[in-house]
């Protein structure tokens, strides 16, 4: 989880929102099932976007964090994914 990794790298204290997100994540026994079964997950699956839900619930799927730049998501400049 991003919050845990930031804390490992001594990025400073977590905001209250980040702490709440961490607690929710770590306190949920099966995050993937919970996301797929929430109202938005069910709605997306019913509308034919099951693959999108599956991608959204992947953990540690990439080492790149997208950054919104000029209306488009890009990788952080100067950083190359370790799997590239």
N, C-alpha and C. Protein backbone atom coordinates (compact mmCIF):
# COMPACT_ATOMS: atom_id res chain seq x y z
N UNK A 1 0.84 -1.17 0.00
CA UNK A 1 0.00 0.00 0.00
C UNK A 1 0.89 1.24 0.00
N UNK A 2 0.51 2.23 -0.73
CA UNK A 2 1.31 3.44 -0.91
C UNK A 2 1.61 4.12 0.42
N UNK A 3 0.63 4.20 1.29
CA UNK A 3 0.82 4.88 2.57
C UNK A 3 1.92 4.20 3.39
N UNK A 4 1.89 2.88 3.45
CA UNK A 4 2.90 2.14 4.20
C UNK A 4 4.28 2.36 3.61
N UNK A 5 4.37 2.36 2.28
CA UNK A 5 5.67 2.57 1.63
C UNK A 5 6.20 3.97 1.91
N UNK A 6 5.34 4.97 1.88
CA UNK A 6 5.77 6.33 2.19
C UNK A 6 6.29 6.43 3.62
N UNK A 7 5.64 5.76 4.53
CA UNK A 7 6.10 5.78 5.91
C UNK A 7 7.43 5.07 6.07
N UNK A 8 7.65 3.99 5.32
CA UNK A 8 8.94 3.30 5.34
C UNK A 8 10.06 4.22 4.90
N UNK A 9 9.75 5.11 3.95
CA UNK A 9 10.74 6.02 3.40
C UNK A 9 10.81 7.33 4.18
N UNK A 10 10.19 7.35 5.36
CA UNK A 10 10.22 8.51 6.24
C UNK A 10 9.74 9.78 5.54
N UNK A 11 8.60 9.66 4.87
CA UNK A 11 8.03 10.79 4.12
C UNK A 11 7.25 11.74 5.01
N UNK A 12 7.30 11.54 6.30
CA UNK A 12 6.59 12.41 7.23
C UNK A 12 5.34 11.74 7.75
N UNK A 13 4.67 12.43 8.65
CA UNK A 13 3.47 11.82 9.25
C UNK A 13 2.32 11.71 8.25
N UNK A 14 1.52 10.69 8.43
CA UNK A 14 0.36 10.51 7.56
C UNK A 14 -0.73 11.51 7.94
N UNK A 15 -1.43 12.01 6.95
CA UNK A 15 -2.57 12.88 7.22
C UNK A 15 -3.67 12.05 7.87
N UNK A 16 -4.63 12.70 8.51
CA UNK A 16 -5.75 11.93 9.06
C UNK A 16 -6.47 11.10 8.00
N UNK A 17 -6.58 11.64 6.78
CA UNK A 17 -7.24 10.90 5.70
C UNK A 17 -6.43 9.67 5.31
N UNK A 18 -5.11 9.82 5.24
CA UNK A 18 -4.25 8.68 4.90
C UNK A 18 -4.31 7.62 6.00
N UNK A 19 -4.32 8.07 7.25
CA UNK A 19 -4.41 7.12 8.36
C UNK A 19 -5.74 6.36 8.32
N UNK A 20 -6.82 7.05 7.99
CA UNK A 20 -8.13 6.39 7.89
C UNK A 20 -8.13 5.39 6.73
N UNK A 21 -7.53 5.76 5.61
CA UNK A 21 -7.45 4.85 4.47
C UNK A 21 -6.64 3.61 4.82
N UNK A 22 -5.51 3.81 5.50
CA UNK A 22 -4.67 2.68 5.92
C UNK A 22 -5.44 1.74 6.84
N UNK A 23 -6.15 2.31 7.80
CA UNK A 23 -6.93 1.50 8.74
C UNK A 23 -8.02 0.73 8.03
N UNK A 24 -8.69 1.37 7.09
CA UNK A 24 -9.73 0.68 6.32
C UNK A 24 -9.14 -0.46 5.51
N UNK A 25 -8.00 -0.21 4.87
CA UNK A 25 -7.35 -1.22 4.03
C UNK A 25 -6.90 -2.41 4.86
N UNK A 26 -6.20 -2.13 5.95
CA UNK A 26 -5.65 -3.22 6.75
C UNK A 26 -6.74 -3.94 7.55
N UNK A 27 -7.87 -3.28 7.80
CA UNK A 27 -8.94 -3.89 8.57
C UNK A 27 -9.95 -4.65 7.73
N UNK A 28 -9.75 -4.67 6.43
CA UNK A 28 -10.67 -5.38 5.53
C UNK A 28 -10.04 -6.71 5.14
N UNK A 29 -10.65 -7.83 5.55
CA UNK A 29 -10.02 -9.14 5.29
C UNK A 29 -9.77 -9.43 3.81
N UNK A 30 -10.71 -9.09 2.95
CA UNK A 30 -10.54 -9.36 1.52
C UNK A 30 -10.91 -8.09 0.75
N UNK A 31 -9.91 -7.25 0.52
CA UNK A 31 -10.14 -5.96 -0.12
C UNK A 31 -10.72 -6.14 -1.52
N UNK A 32 -10.18 -7.07 -2.29
CA UNK A 32 -10.66 -7.27 -3.66
C UNK A 32 -12.14 -7.65 -3.67
N UNK A 33 -12.53 -8.56 -2.83
CA UNK A 33 -13.94 -8.97 -2.77
C UNK A 33 -14.82 -7.81 -2.32
N UNK A 34 -14.34 -7.04 -1.35
CA UNK A 34 -15.12 -5.91 -0.84
C UNK A 34 -15.32 -4.86 -1.92
N UNK A 35 -14.28 -4.54 -2.67
CA UNK A 35 -14.41 -3.55 -3.74
C UNK A 35 -15.35 -4.05 -4.83
N UNK A 36 -15.18 -5.30 -5.23
CA UNK A 36 -16.03 -5.85 -6.28
C UNK A 36 -17.49 -5.93 -5.84
N UNK A 37 -17.72 -6.08 -4.54
CA UNK A 37 -19.08 -6.23 -4.03
C UNK A 37 -19.71 -4.92 -3.57
N UNK A 38 -18.96 -3.82 -3.59
CA UNK A 38 -19.56 -2.54 -3.20
C UNK A 38 -20.49 -2.07 -4.32
N UNK A 39 -21.31 -1.08 -4.05
CA UNK A 39 -22.31 -0.66 -5.04
C UNK A 39 -21.66 -0.22 -6.35
N UNK A 40 -20.57 0.52 -6.28
CA UNK A 40 -19.90 0.96 -7.51
C UNK A 40 -19.27 -0.21 -8.25
N UNK A 41 -18.66 -1.14 -7.52
CA UNK A 41 -18.07 -2.31 -8.15
C UNK A 41 -19.12 -3.15 -8.86
N UNK A 42 -20.24 -3.40 -8.18
CA UNK A 42 -21.33 -4.18 -8.80
C UNK A 42 -21.88 -3.46 -10.03
N UNK A 43 -22.04 -2.15 -9.93
CA UNK A 43 -22.56 -1.37 -11.06
C UNK A 43 -21.63 -1.47 -12.27
N UNK A 44 -20.33 -1.31 -12.04
CA UNK A 44 -19.38 -1.41 -13.14
C UNK A 44 -19.38 -2.81 -13.76
N UNK A 45 -19.42 -3.82 -12.92
CA UNK A 45 -19.44 -5.20 -13.43
C UNK A 45 -20.70 -5.44 -14.25
N UNK A 46 -21.84 -4.97 -13.76
CA UNK A 46 -23.10 -5.16 -14.49
C UNK A 46 -23.12 -4.41 -15.82
N UNK A 47 -22.35 -3.32 -15.91
CA UNK A 47 -22.30 -2.53 -17.14
C UNK A 47 -21.21 -3.02 -18.09
N UNK A 48 -20.59 -4.14 -17.77
CA UNK A 48 -19.60 -4.73 -18.66
C UNK A 48 -18.16 -4.31 -18.41
N UNK A 49 -17.89 -3.74 -17.23
CA UNK A 49 -16.54 -3.27 -16.93
C UNK A 49 -15.86 -4.12 -15.86
N UNK A 50 -16.12 -5.41 -15.89
CA UNK A 50 -15.51 -6.31 -14.91
C UNK A 50 -13.99 -6.29 -14.99
N UNK A 51 -13.44 -6.17 -16.19
CA UNK A 51 -11.98 -6.12 -16.34
C UNK A 51 -11.41 -4.88 -15.67
N UNK A 52 -12.13 -3.77 -15.75
CA UNK A 52 -11.68 -2.53 -15.10
C UNK A 52 -11.67 -2.69 -13.58
N UNK A 53 -12.68 -3.35 -13.05
CA UNK A 53 -12.73 -3.60 -11.61
C UNK A 53 -11.56 -4.51 -11.22
N UNK A 54 -11.30 -5.53 -12.01
CA UNK A 54 -10.18 -6.45 -11.72
C UNK A 54 -8.85 -5.70 -11.71
N UNK A 55 -8.67 -4.78 -12.64
CA UNK A 55 -7.43 -3.98 -12.67
C UNK A 55 -7.35 -3.07 -11.45
N UNK A 56 -8.48 -2.48 -11.08
CA UNK A 56 -8.50 -1.54 -9.96
C UNK A 56 -8.15 -2.21 -8.63
N UNK A 57 -8.39 -3.50 -8.50
CA UNK A 57 -8.14 -4.17 -7.23
C UNK A 57 -6.80 -4.91 -7.19
N UNK A 58 -6.00 -4.78 -8.26
CA UNK A 58 -4.68 -5.41 -8.24
C UNK A 58 -3.77 -4.70 -7.24
N UNK A 59 -2.98 -5.48 -6.53
CA UNK A 59 -2.00 -4.92 -5.60
C UNK A 59 -0.60 -5.09 -6.16
N UNK A 60 0.23 -4.08 -5.98
CA UNK A 60 1.62 -4.12 -6.43
C UNK A 60 1.74 -4.47 -7.91
N UNK A 61 0.84 -3.95 -8.72
CA UNK A 61 0.82 -4.26 -10.14
C UNK A 61 1.80 -3.43 -10.95
N UNK A 62 2.25 -2.31 -10.41
CA UNK A 62 3.16 -1.44 -11.13
C UNK A 62 4.02 -0.65 -10.16
N UNK A 63 5.14 -0.19 -10.62
CA UNK A 63 6.01 0.63 -9.78
C UNK A 63 5.91 2.11 -10.18
N UNK A 64 5.00 2.43 -11.09
CA UNK A 64 4.83 3.80 -11.57
C UNK A 64 3.58 4.40 -10.96
N UNK A 65 3.71 5.63 -10.49
CA UNK A 65 2.56 6.38 -10.00
C UNK A 65 2.21 7.40 -11.06
N UNK A 66 0.98 7.36 -11.59
CA UNK A 66 0.61 8.32 -12.62
C UNK A 66 0.43 9.72 -12.03
N UNK A 67 0.87 10.71 -12.78
CA UNK A 67 0.74 12.11 -12.38
C UNK A 67 -0.03 12.82 -13.47
N UNK A 68 -1.05 13.59 -13.09
CA UNK A 68 -1.84 14.33 -14.06
C UNK A 68 -1.07 15.58 -14.47
N UNK A 69 -0.68 15.64 -15.74
CA UNK A 69 0.08 16.75 -16.28
C UNK A 69 -0.58 17.23 -17.56
N UNK A 70 -1.00 18.47 -17.57
CA UNK A 70 -1.65 19.04 -18.76
C UNK A 70 -2.80 18.18 -19.26
N UNK A 71 -3.60 17.65 -18.34
CA UNK A 71 -4.79 16.90 -18.72
C UNK A 71 -4.56 15.44 -19.08
N UNK A 72 -3.34 14.94 -18.93
CA UNK A 72 -3.05 13.55 -19.25
C UNK A 72 -2.21 12.93 -18.13
N UNK A 73 -2.42 11.65 -17.88
CA UNK A 73 -1.62 10.96 -16.87
C UNK A 73 -0.30 10.52 -17.48
N UNK A 74 0.79 10.80 -16.79
CA UNK A 74 2.13 10.40 -17.22
C UNK A 74 2.91 9.87 -16.02
N UNK A 75 3.99 9.17 -16.29
CA UNK A 75 4.88 8.72 -15.22
C UNK A 75 5.66 9.92 -14.70
N UNK A 76 6.13 9.83 -13.48
CA UNK A 76 6.93 10.91 -12.91
C UNK A 76 8.19 11.06 -13.76
N UNK A 77 8.50 12.28 -14.23
CA UNK A 77 9.69 12.50 -15.07
C UNK A 77 10.97 12.02 -14.38
N UNK A 78 11.83 11.38 -15.16
CA UNK A 78 13.13 10.94 -14.65
C UNK A 78 13.08 9.63 -13.91
N UNK A 79 11.93 9.01 -13.81
CA UNK A 79 11.83 7.73 -13.12
C UNK A 79 11.42 6.65 -14.11
N UNK A 80 12.09 5.55 -14.03
CA UNK A 80 11.81 4.42 -14.92
C UNK A 80 11.34 3.26 -14.07
N UNK A 81 10.24 2.62 -14.44
CA UNK A 81 9.79 1.46 -13.66
C UNK A 81 10.89 0.39 -13.60
N UNK A 82 10.97 -0.30 -12.47
CA UNK A 82 12.01 -1.33 -12.30
C UNK A 82 11.78 -2.51 -13.24
N UNK A 83 10.57 -2.67 -13.77
CA UNK A 83 10.30 -3.80 -14.65
C UNK A 83 10.42 -3.41 -16.11
N UNK A 84 10.90 -2.21 -16.41
CA UNK A 84 11.01 -1.75 -17.81
C UNK A 84 12.28 -2.25 -18.44
